[in-house]
Amino acid sequence: MGRNLYILAGSLILFALISCGIAYTNIAQQPGSPGDASLWRTMGLSFFVVGLFVALAGILSSLFEQAERRDEESRRARRRH
């Protein structure tokens, strides 16, 4: 599960970088372009923040999975002895 969350976080952060890149180029200032520069910056910031939270969830998920795995291994070791 942690790996999937890392992939999702990476994708969201990539979209954030693309959105901020569009905001600072002339694409967002052209007439007829979708939205204005502040909208692209806001979308980029929100993608970045959500990506960071998803990355944190992936880290915590990996840590809890590792703790459960080690706890199970220690239980098996105690049963053998």
Protein backbone atom coordinates (compact mmCIF):
# COMPACT_ATOMS: atom_id res chain seq x y z
CA MET A 1 0.00 0.00 0.00
CA GLY A 2 2.84 2.39 0.80
CA ARG A 3 4.28 2.06 -2.69
CA ASN A 4 0.95 3.05 -4.26
CA LEU A 5 0.78 6.11 -2.03
CA TYR A 6 4.32 7.08 -3.04
CA ILE A 7 3.36 6.84 -6.71
CA LEU A 8 0.25 8.95 -6.10
CA ALA A 9 2.25 11.54 -4.17
CA GLY A 10 4.85 11.72 -6.92
CA SER A 11 2.15 12.21 -9.55
CA LEU A 12 0.49 14.98 -7.55
CA ILE A 13 3.78 16.78 -7.00
CA LEU A 14 4.56 16.47 -10.71
CA PHE A 15 1.19 18.05 -11.53
CA ALA A 16 1.98 20.79 -9.00
CA LEU A 17 5.25 21.54 -10.75
CA ILE A 18 3.54 21.61 -14.14
CA SER A 19 0.82 23.95 -12.83
CA CYS A 20 3.36 26.34 -11.32
CA GLY A 21 5.39 26.19 -14.53
CA ILE A 22 2.34 27.16 -16.55
CA ALA A 23 1.62 30.03 -14.15
CA TYR A 24 5.05 31.54 -14.66
CA THR A 25 5.20 31.18 -18.45
CA ASN A 26 3.36 33.22 -21.03
CA ILE A 27 0.83 30.43 -21.62
CA ALA A 28 -1.38 31.55 -18.71
CA GLN A 29 -1.33 35.20 -19.82
CA GLN A 30 -2.49 34.53 -23.39
CA PRO A 31 -6.09 35.44 -24.26
CA GLY A 32 -8.30 32.40 -24.41
CA SER A 33 -6.07 30.31 -22.14
CA PRO A 34 -7.74 28.30 -19.38
CA GLY A 35 -7.76 30.43 -16.25
CA ASP A 36 -5.36 33.10 -15.15
CA ALA A 37 -1.94 32.84 -13.52
CA SER A 38 -3.25 33.04 -9.95
CA LEU A 39 -5.57 30.09 -10.61
CA TRP A 40 -2.62 28.01 -11.89
CA ARG A 41 -0.53 28.98 -8.85
CA THR A 42 -3.39 28.05 -6.50
CA MET A 43 -3.86 24.70 -8.22
CA GLY A 44 -0.12 24.06 -8.05
CA LEU A 45 0.00 24.88 -4.35
CA SER A 46 -3.01 22.70 -3.57
CA PHE A 47 -1.58 19.76 -5.58
CA PHE A 48 1.71 20.18 -3.72
CA VAL A 49 0.08 20.23 -0.27
CA VAL A 50 -2.10 17.21 -1.05
CA GLY A 51 0.94 15.42 -2.47
CA LEU A 52 2.85 16.05 0.75
CA PHE A 53 -0.01 14.68 2.86
CA VAL A 54 -0.23 11.57 0.66
CA ALA A 55 3.54 11.09 0.97
CA LEU A 56 3.21 11.36 4.75
CA ALA A 57 0.44 8.76 4.68
CA GLY A 58 2.71 6.48 2.61
CA ILE A 59 5.55 6.88 5.09
CA LEU A 60 3.30 6.14 8.07
CA SER A 61 1.77 3.17 6.27
CA SER A 62 5.21 1.71 5.57
CA LEU A 63 6.30 2.25 9.16
CA PHE A 64 3.21 0.54 10.57
CA GLU A 65 3.57 -2.38 8.15
CA GLN A 66 7.20 -2.81 9.22
CA ALA A 67 6.24 -2.67 12.90
CA GLU A 68 3.52 -5.30 12.40
CA ARG A 69 5.92 -7.54 10.49
CA ARG A 70 8.58 -7.32 13.20
CA ASP A 71 6.00 -7.95 15.92
CA GLU A 72 4.81 -11.07 14.10
CA GLU A 73 8.39 -12.29 13.70
CA SER A 74 9.09 -11.80 17.41
CA ARG A 75 5.91 -13.72 18.31
CA ARG A 76 7.01 -16.63 16.10
CA ALA A 77 10.47 -16.58 17.68
CA ARG A 78 8.96 -16.70 21.19
CA ARG A 79 6.71 -19.62 20.27
CA ARG A 80 9.66 -21.67 19.03
CA HIS A 81 11.55 -21.25 22.28
